[in-house]
Amino acid sequence: KSAALRLKRSETDNLELSASLNSAQDAHQVVCSQLKDAQEELSSLSRKLTELQQDKVAIAAELEFCRSEDAEVKLQEAAAQKSAALRLKRSETDNLELSA
């Protein structure tokens, strides 16, 4: 009778352990699935970050080009103003010489 009770307890323990193992395996599958989803999301975000970094570099280069172009235009405008001022000065000097 005692051996029969131990056998029955052992069978019950085995059933409980089997149920626990199945539950743990189910939880493991859920975690693995979540991990796979997180890895895919991370890959997607990494690609987006790379694209944004490339956009940033392109924008910085375009901004630098615009700044240099703007500086060149300002230099040309300053040179034109200086040239016009020199022509005006010469004209005034010529007029003074002619009137004298």
PDB file of N, CA and C in Angstrom:
ATOM      1  N   LYS A   1       0.828  -1.197   0.000  1.00  0.00           N
ATOM      2  CA  LYS A   1       0.000   0.000   0.000  1.00  0.00           C
ATOM      3  C   LYS A   1       0.874   1.262   0.000  1.00  0.00           C
ATOM      4  N   SER A   2       1.937   1.279   0.806  1.00  0.00           N
ATOM      5  CA  SER A   2       2.847   2.419   0.882  1.00  0.00           C
ATOM      6  C   SER A   2       3.535   2.633  -0.467  1.00  0.00           C
ATOM      7  N   ALA A   3       3.954   1.569  -1.102  1.00  0.00           N
ATOM      8  CA  ALA A   3       4.596   1.673  -2.411  1.00  0.00           C
ATOM      9  C   ALA A   3       3.610   2.194  -3.439  1.00  0.00           C
ATOM     10  N   ALA A   4       2.373   1.789  -3.340  1.00  0.00           N
ATOM     11  CA  ALA A   4       1.332   2.250  -4.272  1.00  0.00           C
ATOM     12  C   ALA A   4       1.094   3.750  -4.087  1.00  0.00           C
ATOM     13  N   LEU A   5       1.111   4.223  -2.825  1.00  0.00           N
ATOM     14  CA  LEU A   5       0.933   5.657  -2.557  1.00  0.00           C
ATOM     15  C   LEU A   5       2.109   6.460  -3.113  1.00  0.00           C
ATOM     16  N   ARG A   6       3.345   5.937  -2.916  1.00  0.00           N
ATOM     17  CA  ARG A   6       4.517   6.632  -3.449  1.00  0.00           C
ATOM     18  C   ARG A   6       4.472   6.701  -4.966  1.00  0.00           C
ATOM     19  N   LEU A   7       4.036   5.603  -5.574  1.00  0.00           N
ATOM     20  CA  LEU A   7       3.912   5.572  -7.034  1.00  0.00           C
ATOM     21  C   LEU A   7       2.876   6.589  -7.494  1.00  0.00           C
ATOM     22  N   LYS A   8       1.762   6.646  -6.784  1.00  0.00           N
ATOM     23  CA  LYS A   8       0.704   7.595  -7.144  1.00  0.00           C
ATOM     24  C   LYS A   8       1.222   9.034  -6.999  1.00  0.00           C
ATOM     25  N   ARG A   9       1.963   9.329  -5.882  1.00  0.00           N
ATOM     26  CA  ARG A   9       2.528  10.661  -5.679  1.00  0.00           C
ATOM     27  C   ARG A   9       3.547  10.980  -6.774  1.00  0.00           C
ATOM     28  N   SER A  10       4.337  10.012  -7.136  1.00  0.00           N
ATOM     29  CA  SER A  10       5.341  10.192  -8.173  1.00  0.00           C
ATOM     30  C   SER A  10       4.671  10.499  -9.513  1.00  0.00           C
ATOM     31  N   GLU A  11       3.616   9.790  -9.808  1.00  0.00           N
ATOM     32  CA  GLU A  11       2.879  10.054 -11.057  1.00  0.00           C
ATOM     33  C   GLU A  11       2.267  11.455 -11.032  1.00  0.00           C
ATOM     34  N   THR A  12       1.712  11.843  -9.866  1.00  0.00           N
ATOM     35  CA  THR A  12       1.126  13.182  -9.721  1.00  0.00           C
ATOM     36  C   THR A  12       2.221  14.247  -9.876  1.00  0.00           C
ATOM     37  N   ASP A  13       3.364  14.008  -9.219  1.00  0.00           N
ATOM     38  CA  ASP A  13       4.485  14.961  -9.350  1.00  0.00           C
ATOM     39  C   ASP A  13       4.939  15.067 -10.796  1.00  0.00           C
ATOM     40  N   ASN A  14       5.008  13.935 -11.478  1.00  0.00           N
ATOM     41  CA  ASN A  14       5.417  13.937 -12.883  1.00  0.00           C
ATOM     42  C   ASN A  14       4.430  14.727 -13.743  1.00  0.00           C
ATOM     43  N   LEU A  15       3.141  14.567 -13.473  1.00  0.00           N
ATOM     44  CA  LEU A  15       2.123  15.314 -14.222  1.00  0.00           C
ATOM     45  C   LEU A  15       2.264  16.816 -13.965  1.00  0.00           C
ATOM     46  N   GLU A  16       2.508  17.177 -12.690  1.00  0.00           N
ATOM     47  CA  GLU A  16       2.678  18.594 -12.353  1.00  0.00           C
ATOM     48  C   GLU A  16       3.943  19.159 -13.008  1.00  0.00           C
ATOM     49  N   LEU A  17       5.015  18.374 -12.977  1.00  0.00           N
ATOM     50  CA  LEU A  17       6.254  18.822 -13.616  1.00  0.00           C
ATOM     51  C   LEU A  17       6.076  18.958 -15.121  1.00  0.00           C
ATOM     52  N   SER A  18       5.356  18.032 -15.712  1.00  0.00           N
ATOM     53  CA  SER A  18       5.098  18.080 -17.146  1.00  0.00           C
ATOM     54  C   SER A  18       4.279  19.321 -17.496  1.00  0.00           C
ATOM     55  N   ALA A  19       3.268  19.630 -16.661  1.00  0.00           N
ATOM     56  CA  ALA A  19       2.448  20.828 -16.885  1.00  0.00           C
ATOM     57  C   ALA A  19       3.301  22.085 -16.732  1.00  0.00           C
ATOM     58  N   SER A  20       4.183  22.091 -15.733  1.00  0.00           N
ATOM     59  CA  SER A  20       5.066  23.244 -15.540  1.00  0.00           C
ATOM     60  C   SER A  20       6.006  23.407 -16.721  1.00  0.00           C
ATOM     61  N   LEU A  21       6.534  22.283 -17.208  1.00  0.00           N
ATOM     62  CA  LEU A  21       7.432  22.324 -18.362  1.00  0.00           C
ATOM     63  C   LEU A  21       6.705  22.859 -19.588  1.00  0.00           C
ATOM     64  N   ASN A  22       5.498  22.397 -19.822  1.00  0.00           N
ATOM     65  CA  ASN A  22       4.715  22.892 -20.969  1.00  0.00           C
ATOM     66  C   ASN A  22       4.453  24.391 -20.844  1.00  0.00           C
ATOM     67  N   SER A  23       4.138  24.821 -19.628  1.00  0.00           N
ATOM     68  CA  SER A  23       3.885  26.245 -19.391  1.00  0.00           C
ATOM     69  C   SER A  23       5.158  27.060 -19.637  1.00  0.00           C
ATOM     70  N   ALA A  24       6.288  26.551 -19.160  1.00  0.00           N
ATOM     71  CA  ALA A  24       7.561  27.249 -19.366  1.00  0.00           C
ATOM     72  C   ALA A  24       7.919  27.302 -20.850  1.00  0.00           C
ATOM     73  N   GLN A  25       7.656  26.211 -21.575  1.00  0.00           N
ATOM     74  CA  GLN A  25       7.939  26.195 -23.011  1.00  0.00           C
ATOM     75  C   GLN A  25       7.055  27.203 -23.744  1.00  0.00           C
ATOM     76  N   ASP A  26       5.788  27.282 -23.338  1.00  0.00           N
ATOM     77  CA  ASP A  26       4.886  28.272 -23.945  1.00  0.00           C
ATOM     78  C   ASP A  26       5.384  29.697 -23.689  1.00  0.00           C
ATOM     79  N   ALA A  27       5.791  29.960 -22.452  1.00  0.00           N
ATOM     80  CA  ALA A  27       6.303  31.288 -22.107  1.00  0.00           C
ATOM     81  C   ALA A  27       7.580  31.573 -22.891  1.00  0.00           C
ATOM     82  N   HIS A  28       8.425  30.573 -23.055  1.00  0.00           N
ATOM     83  CA  HIS A  28       9.668  30.730 -23.814  1.00  0.00           C
ATOM     84  C   HIS A  28       9.366  31.099 -25.261  1.00  0.00           C
ATOM     85  N   GLN A  29       8.374  30.437 -25.857  1.00  0.00           N
ATOM     86  CA  GLN A  29       7.990  30.746 -27.244  1.00  0.00           C
ATOM     87  C   GLN A  29       7.469  32.181 -27.362  1.00  0.00           C
ATOM     88  N   VAL A  30       6.688  32.622 -26.372  1.00  0.00           N
ATOM     89  CA  VAL A  30       6.166  33.994 -26.391  1.00  0.00           C
ATOM     90  C   VAL A  30       7.321  34.991 -26.319  1.00  0.00           C
ATOM     91  N   VAL A  31       8.272  34.739 -25.411  1.00  0.00           N
ATOM     92  CA  VAL A  31       9.415  35.638 -25.256  1.00  0.00           C
ATOM     93  C   VAL A  31      10.260  35.657 -26.528  1.00  0.00           C
ATOM     94  N   CYS A  32      10.465  34.489 -27.129  1.00  0.00           N
ATOM     95  CA  CYS A  32      11.244  34.430 -28.381  1.00  0.00           C
ATOM     96  C   CYS A  32      10.550  35.216 -29.492  1.00  0.00           C
ATOM     97  N   SER A  33       9.244  35.099 -29.562  1.00  0.00           N
ATOM     98  CA  SER A  33       8.485  35.838 -30.574  1.00  0.00           C
ATOM     99  C   SER A  33       8.603  37.340 -30.339  1.00  0.00           C
ATOM    100  N   GLN A  34       8.497  37.749 -29.073  1.00  0.00           N
ATOM    101  CA  GLN A  34       8.631  39.175 -28.743  1.00  0.00           C
ATOM    102  C   GLN A  34      10.041  39.671 -29.060  1.00  0.00           C
ATOM    103  N   LEU A  35      11.042  38.836 -28.787  1.00  0.00           N
ATOM    104  CA  LEU A  35      12.419  39.205 -29.077  1.00  0.00           C
ATOM    105  C   LEU A  35      12.623  39.382 -30.583  1.00  0.00           C
ATOM    106  N   LYS A  36      12.049  38.473 -31.367  1.00  0.00           N
ATOM    107  CA  LYS A  36      12.157  38.579 -32.827  1.00  0.00           C
ATOM    108  C   LYS A  36      11.509  39.878 -33.313  1.00  0.00           C
ATOM    109  N   ASP A  37      10.329  40.195 -32.780  1.00  0.00           N
ATOM    110  CA  ASP A  37       9.643  41.437 -33.153  1.00  0.00           C
ATOM    111  C   ASP A  37      10.485  42.654 -32.779  1.00  0.00           C
ATOM    112  N   ALA A  38      11.090  42.616 -31.595  1.00  0.00           N
ATOM    113  CA  ALA A  38      11.918  43.743 -31.142  1.00  0.00           C
ATOM    114  C   ALA A  38      13.159  43.896 -32.026  1.00  0.00           C
ATOM    115  N   GLN A  39      13.740  42.759 -32.436  1.00  0.00           N
ATOM    116  CA  GLN A  39      14.914  42.825 -33.318  1.00  0.00           C
ATOM    117  C   GLN A  39      14.546  43.417 -34.681  1.00  0.00           C
ATOM    118  N   GLU A  40      13.387  43.042 -35.199  1.00  0.00           N
ATOM    119  CA  GLU A  40      12.935  43.599 -36.476  1.00  0.00           C
ATOM    120  C   GLU A  40      12.692  45.101 -36.351  1.00  0.00           C
ATOM    121  N   GLU A  41      12.085  45.513 -35.234  1.00  0.00           N
ATOM    122  CA  GLU A  41      11.841  46.944 -35.005  1.00  0.00           C
ATOM    123  C   GLU A  41      13.168  47.692 -34.885  1.00  0.00           C
ATOM    124  N   LEU A  42      14.122  47.096 -34.194  1.00  0.00           N
ATOM    125  CA  LEU A  42      15.439  47.713 -34.043  1.00  0.00           C
ATOM    126  C   LEU A  42      16.127  47.864 -35.402  1.00  0.00           C
ATOM    127  N   SER A  43      16.021  46.842 -36.243  1.00  0.00           N
ATOM    128  CA  SER A  43      16.613  46.921 -37.581  1.00  0.00           C
ATOM    129  C   SER A  43      15.964  48.035 -38.393  1.00  0.00           C
ATOM    130  N   SER A  44      14.658  48.131 -38.295  1.00  0.00           N
ATOM    131  CA  SER A  44      13.932  49.178 -39.015  1.00  0.00           C
ATOM    132  C   SER A  44      14.365  50.565 -38.524  1.00  0.00           C
ATOM    133  N   LEU A  45      14.452  50.727 -37.215  1.00  0.00           N
ATOM    134  CA  LEU A  45      14.873  52.014 -36.659  1.00  0.00           C
ATOM    135  C   LEU A  45      16.315  52.329 -37.031  1.00  0.00           C
ATOM    136  N   SER A  46      17.137  51.314 -37.083  1.00  0.00           N
ATOM    137  CA  SER A  46      18.543  51.514 -37.467  1.00  0.00           C
ATOM    138  C   SER A  46      18.633  52.000 -38.913  1.00  0.00           C
ATOM    139  N   ARG A  47      17.831  51.401 -39.803  1.00  0.00           N
ATOM    140  CA  ARG A  47      17.818  51.851 -41.204  1.00  0.00           C
ATOM    141  C   ARG A  47      17.334  53.299 -41.290  1.00  0.00           C
ATOM    142  N   LYS A  48      16.283  53.618 -40.543  1.00  0.00           N
ATOM    143  CA  LYS A  48      15.766  54.991 -40.565  1.00  0.00           C
ATOM    144  C   LYS A  48      16.805  55.978 -40.038  1.00  0.00           C
ATOM    145  N   LEU A  49      17.522  55.584 -38.990  1.00  0.00           N
ATOM    146  CA  LEU A  49      18.566  56.448 -38.445  1.00  0.00           C
ATOM    147  C   LEU A  49      19.661  56.686 -39.478  1.00  0.00           C
ATOM    148  N   THR A  50      20.062  55.636 -40.185  1.00  0.00           N
ATOM    149  CA  THR A  50      21.081  55.769 -41.222  1.00  0.00           C
ATOM    150  C   THR A  50      20.608  56.732 -42.310  1.00  0.00           C
ATOM    151  N   GLU A  51      19.353  56.597 -42.719  1.00  0.00           N
ATOM    152  CA  GLU A  51      18.796  57.502 -43.738  1.00  0.00           C
ATOM    153  C   GLU A  51      18.801  58.953 -43.233  1.00  0.00           C
ATOM    154  N   LEU A  52      18.415  59.143 -41.975  1.00  0.00           N
ATOM    155  CA  LEU A  52      18.388  60.500 -41.423  1.00  0.00           C
ATOM    156  C   LEU A  52      19.793  61.085 -41.326  1.00  0.00           C
ATOM    157  N   GLN A  53      20.765  60.250 -40.968  1.00  0.00           N
ATOM    158  CA  GLN A  53      22.144  60.733 -40.901  1.00  0.00           C
ATOM    159  C   GLN A  53      22.650  61.122 -42.292  1.00  0.00           C
ATOM    160  N   GLN A  54      22.283  60.344 -43.295  1.00  0.00           N
ATOM    161  CA  GLN A  54      22.674  60.676 -44.668  1.00  0.00           C
ATOM    162  C   GLN A  54      22.006  61.975 -45.101  1.00  0.00           C
ATOM    163  N   ASP A  55      20.732  62.141 -44.747  1.00  0.00           N
ATOM    164  CA  ASP A  55      20.020  63.388 -45.053  1.00  0.00           C
ATOM    165  C   ASP A  55      20.700  64.571 -44.373  1.00  0.00           C
ATOM    166  N   LYS A  56      21.116  64.372 -43.122  1.00  0.00           N
ATOM    167  CA  LYS A  56      21.777  65.443 -42.375  1.00  0.00           C
ATOM    168  C   LYS A  56      23.068  65.875 -43.066  1.00  0.00           C
ATOM    169  N   VAL A  57      23.847  64.897 -43.520  1.00  0.00           N
ATOM    170  CA  VAL A  57      25.103  65.212 -44.214  1.00  0.00           C
ATOM    171  C   VAL A  57      24.817  65.967 -45.503  1.00  0.00           C
ATOM    172  N   ALA A  58      23.810  65.508 -46.247  1.00  0.00           N
ATOM    173  CA  ALA A  58      23.463  66.176 -47.511  1.00  0.00           C
ATOM    174  C   ALA A  58      22.983  67.599 -47.260  1.00  0.00           C
ATOM    175  N   ILE A  59      22.184  67.790 -46.226  1.00  0.00           N
ATOM    176  CA  ILE A  59      21.669  69.131 -45.908  1.00  0.00           C
ATOM    177  C   ILE A  59      22.807  70.043 -45.480  1.00  0.00           C
ATOM    178  N   ALA A  60      23.728  69.501 -44.678  1.00  0.00           N
ATOM    179  CA  ALA A  60      24.872  70.312 -44.242  1.00  0.00           C
ATOM    180  C   ALA A  60      25.719  70.740 -45.437  1.00  0.00           C
ATOM    181  N   ALA A  61      25.917  69.828 -46.380  1.00  0.00           N
ATOM    182  CA  ALA A  61      26.702  70.162 -47.580  1.00  0.00           C
ATOM    183  C   ALA A  61      25.974  71.215 -48.408  1.00  0.00           C
ATOM    184  N   GLU A  62      24.667  71.068 -48.540  1.00  0.00           N
ATOM    185  CA  GLU A  62      23.885  72.050 -49.305  1.00  0.00           C
ATOM    186  C   GLU A  62      23.897  73.413 -48.621  1.00  0.00           C
ATOM    187  N   LEU A  63      23.799  73.402 -47.288  1.00  0.00           N
ATOM    188  CA  LEU A  63      23.842  74.655 -46.536  1.00  0.00           C
ATOM    189  C   LEU A  63      25.197  75.342 -46.710  1.00  0.00           C
ATOM    190  N   GLU A  64      26.262  74.565 -46.647  1.00  0.00           N
ATOM    191  CA  GLU A  64      27.606  75.127 -46.830  1.00  0.00           C
ATOM    192  C   GLU A  64      27.755  75.721 -48.233  1.00  0.00           C
ATOM    193  N   PHE A  65      27.217  75.007 -49.231  1.00  0.00           N
ATOM    194  CA  PHE A  65      27.255  75.514 -50.603  1.00  0.00           C
ATOM    195  C   PHE A  65      26.495  76.840 -50.704  1.00  0.00           C
ATOM    196  N   CYS A  66      25.323  76.888 -50.095  1.00  0.00           N
ATOM    197  CA  CYS A  66      24.523  78.124 -50.141  1.00  0.00           C
ATOM    198  C   CYS A  66      25.243  79.268 -49.442  1.00  0.00           C
ATOM    199  N   ARG A  67      25.880  78.953 -48.309  1.00  0.00           N
ATOM    200  CA  ARG A  67      26.625  80.001 -47.594  1.00  0.00           C
ATOM    201  C   ARG A  67      27.780  80.525 -48.441  1.00  0.00           C
ATOM    202  N   SER A  68      28.514  79.613 -49.083  1.00  0.00           N
ATOM    203  CA  SER A  68      29.648  80.062 -49.899  1.00  0.00           C
ATOM    204  C   SER A  68      29.151  80.841 -51.110  1.00  0.00           C
ATOM    205  N   GLU A  69      28.030  80.384 -51.672  1.00  0.00           N
ATOM    206  CA  GLU A  69      27.453  81.099 -52.811  1.00  0.00           C
ATOM    207  C   GLU A  69      26.976  82.478 -52.376  1.00  0.00           C
ATOM    208  N   ASP A  70      26.357  82.557 -51.211  1.00  0.00           N
ATOM    209  CA  ASP A  70      25.889  83.836 -50.672  1.00  0.00           C
ATOM    210  C   ASP A  70      27.078  84.764 -50.408  1.00  0.00           C
ATOM    211  N   ALA A  71      28.146  84.211 -49.852  1.00  0.00           N
ATOM    212  CA  ALA A  71      29.348  85.025 -49.589  1.00  0.00           C
ATOM    213  C   ALA A  71      29.934  85.544 -50.893  1.00  0.00           C
ATOM    214  N   GLU A  72      29.935  84.712 -51.930  1.00  0.00           N
ATOM    215  CA  GLU A  72      30.459  85.135 -53.232  1.00  0.00           C
ATOM    216  C   GLU A  72      29.606  86.262 -53.808  1.00  0.00           C
ATOM    217  N   VAL A  73      28.301  86.124 -53.711  1.00  0.00           N
ATOM    218  CA  VAL A  73      27.403  87.181 -54.205  1.00  0.00           C
ATOM    219  C   VAL A  73      27.656  88.479 -53.447  1.00  0.00           C
ATOM    220  N   LYS A  74      27.828  88.390 -52.130  1.00  0.00           N
ATOM    221  CA  LYS A  74      28.078  89.598 -51.339  1.00  0.00           C
ATOM    222  C   LYS A  74      29.409  90.238 -51.728  1.00  0.00           C
ATOM    223  N   LEU A  75      30.418  89.399 -51.989  1.00  0.00           N
ATOM    224  CA  LEU A  75      31.708  89.939 -52.434  1.00  0.00           C
ATOM    225  C   LEU A  75      31.563  90.641 -53.780  1.00  0.00           C
ATOM    226  N   GLN A  76      30.812  90.026 -54.694  1.00  0.00           N
ATOM    227  CA  GLN A  76      30.598  90.642 -56.006  1.00  0.00           C
ATOM    228  C   GLN A  76      29.845  91.962 -55.873  1.00  0.00           C
ATOM    229  N   GLU A  77      28.843  91.980 -54.991  1.00  0.00           N
ATOM    230  CA  GLU A  77      28.090  93.222 -54.778  1.00  0.00           C
ATOM    231  C   GLU A  77      28.992  94.306 -54.188  1.00  0.00           C
ATOM    232  N   ALA A  78      29.838  93.936 -53.232  1.00  0.00           N
ATOM    233  CA  ALA A  78      30.756  94.907 -52.624  1.00  0.00           C
ATOM    234  C   ALA A  78      31.742  95.426 -53.663  1.00  0.00           C
ATOM    235  N   ALA A  79      32.237  94.524 -54.503  1.00  0.00           N
ATOM    236  CA  ALA A  79      33.169  94.941 -55.557  1.00  0.00           C
ATOM    237  C   ALA A  79      32.474  95.876 -56.539  1.00  0.00           C
ATOM    238  N   ALA A  80      31.233  95.580 -56.882  1.00  0.00           N
ATOM    239  CA  ALA A  80      30.489  96.440 -57.811  1.00  0.00           C
ATOM    240  C   ALA A  80      30.252  97.819 -57.193  1.00  0.00           C
ATOM    241  N   GLN A  81      29.913  97.850 -55.895  1.00  0.00           N
ATOM    242  CA  GLN A  81      29.700  99.134 -55.216  1.00  0.00           C
ATOM    243  C   GLN A  81      31.000  99.937 -55.155  1.00  0.00           C
ATOM    244  N   LYS A  82      32.100  99.237 -54.887  1.00  0.00           N
ATOM    245  CA  LYS A  82      33.396  99.926 -54.829  1.00  0.00           C
ATOM    246  C   LYS A  82      33.764 100.481 -56.204  1.00  0.00           C
ATOM    247  N   SER A  83      33.515  99.672 -57.235  1.00  0.00           N
ATOM    248  CA  SER A  83      33.805 100.104 -58.598  1.00  0.00           C
ATOM    249  C   SER A  83      32.953 101.317 -58.966  1.00  0.00           C
ATOM    250  N   ALA A  84      31.675 101.276 -58.593  1.00  0.00           N
ATOM    251  CA  ALA A  84      30.783 102.410 -58.884  1.00  0.00           C
ATOM    252  C   ALA A  84      31.245 103.644 -58.122  1.00  0.00           C
ATOM    253  N   ALA A  85      31.670 103.471 -56.885  1.00  0.00           N
ATOM    254  CA  ALA A  85      32.151 104.609 -56.095  1.00  0.00           C
ATOM    255  C   ALA A  85      33.416 105.193 -56.722  1.00  0.00           C
ATOM    256  N   LEU A  86      34.312 104.341 -57.211  1.00  0.00           N
ATOM    257  CA  LEU A  86      35.527 104.820 -57.873  1.00  0.00           C
ATOM    258  C   LEU A  86      35.194 105.578 -59.153  1.00  0.00           C
ATOM    259  N   ARG A  87      34.230 105.048 -59.943  1.00  0.00           N
ATOM    260  CA  ARG A  87      33.824 105.748 -61.170  1.00  0.00           C
ATOM    261  C   ARG A  87      33.227 107.120 -60.833  1.00  0.00           C
ATOM    262  N   LEU A  88      32.426 107.147 -59.790  1.00  0.00           N
ATOM    263  CA  LEU A  88      31.818 108.413 -59.378  1.00  0.00           C
ATOM    264  C   LEU A  88      32.900 109.399 -58.940  1.00  0.00           C
ATOM    265  N   LYS A  89      33.857 108.922 -58.173  1.00  0.00           N
ATOM    266  CA  LYS A  89      34.959 109.776 -57.707  1.00  0.00           C
ATOM    267  C   LYS A  89      35.753 110.317 -58.907  1.00  0.00           C
ATOM    268  N   ARG A  90      36.055 109.440 -59.883  1.00  0.00           N
ATOM    269  CA  ARG A  90      36.786 109.873 -61.088  1.00  0.00           C
ATOM    270  C   ARG A  90      35.985 110.921 -61.849  1.00  0.00           C
ATOM    271  N   SER A  91      34.693 110.644 -61.946  1.00  0.00           N
ATOM    272  CA  SER A  91      33.831 111.578 -62.665  1.00  0.00           C
ATOM    273  C   SER A  91      33.832 112.945 -61.979  1.00  0.00           C
ATOM    274  N   GLU A  92      33.746 112.929 -60.654  1.00  0.00           N
ATOM    275  CA  GLU A  92      33.762 114.197 -59.914  1.00  0.00           C
ATOM    276  C   GLU A  92      35.112 114.898 -60.102  1.00  0.00           C
ATOM    277  N   THR A  93      36.197 114.100 -60.059  1.00  0.00           N
ATOM    278  CA  THR A  93      37.533 114.693 -60.261  1.00  0.00           C
ATOM    279  C   THR A  93      37.645 115.261 -61.664  1.00  0.00           C
ATOM    280  N   ASP A  94      37.176 114.522 -62.662  1.00  0.00           N
ATOM    281  CA  ASP A  94      37.216 114.993 -64.056  1.00  0.00           C
ATOM    282  C   ASP A  94      36.407 116.295 -64.185  1.00  0.00           C
ATOM    283  N   ASN A  95      35.228 116.327 -63.565  1.00  0.00           N
ATOM    284  CA  ASN A  95      34.387 117.514 -63.652  1.00  0.00           C
ATOM    285  C   ASN A  95      35.079 118.733 -62.997  1.00  0.00           C
ATOM    286  N   LEU A  96      35.742 118.483 -61.862  1.00  0.00           N
ATOM    287  CA  LEU A  96      36.460 119.576 -61.206  1.00  0.00           C
ATOM    288  C   LEU A  96      37.606 120.080 -62.070  1.00  0.00           C
ATOM    289  N   GLU A  97      38.322 119.113 -62.725  1.00  0.00           N
ATOM    290  CA  GLU A  97      39.424 119.513 -63.591  1.00  0.00           C
ATOM    291  C   GLU A  97      38.912 120.285 -64.796  1.00  0.00           C
ATOM    292  N   LEU A  98      37.795 119.839 -65.348  1.00  0.00           N
ATOM    293  CA  LEU A  98      37.241 120.533 -66.504  1.00  0.00           C
ATOM    294  C   LEU A  98      36.744 121.936 -66.151  1.00  0.00           C
ATOM    295  N   SER A  99      36.183 122.067 -64.960  1.00  0.00           N
ATOM    296  CA  SER A  99      35.672 123.386 -64.587  1.00  0.00           C
ATOM    297  C   SER A  99      36.791 124.329 -64.199  1.00  0.00           C
ATOM    298  N   ALA A 100      37.945 123.803 -63.845  1.00  0.00           N
ATOM    299  CA  ALA A 100      39.073 124.658 -63.450  1.00  0.00           C
ATOM    300  C   ALA A 100      39.846 125.168 -64.583  1.00  0.00           C
TER     301      ALA A 100
END
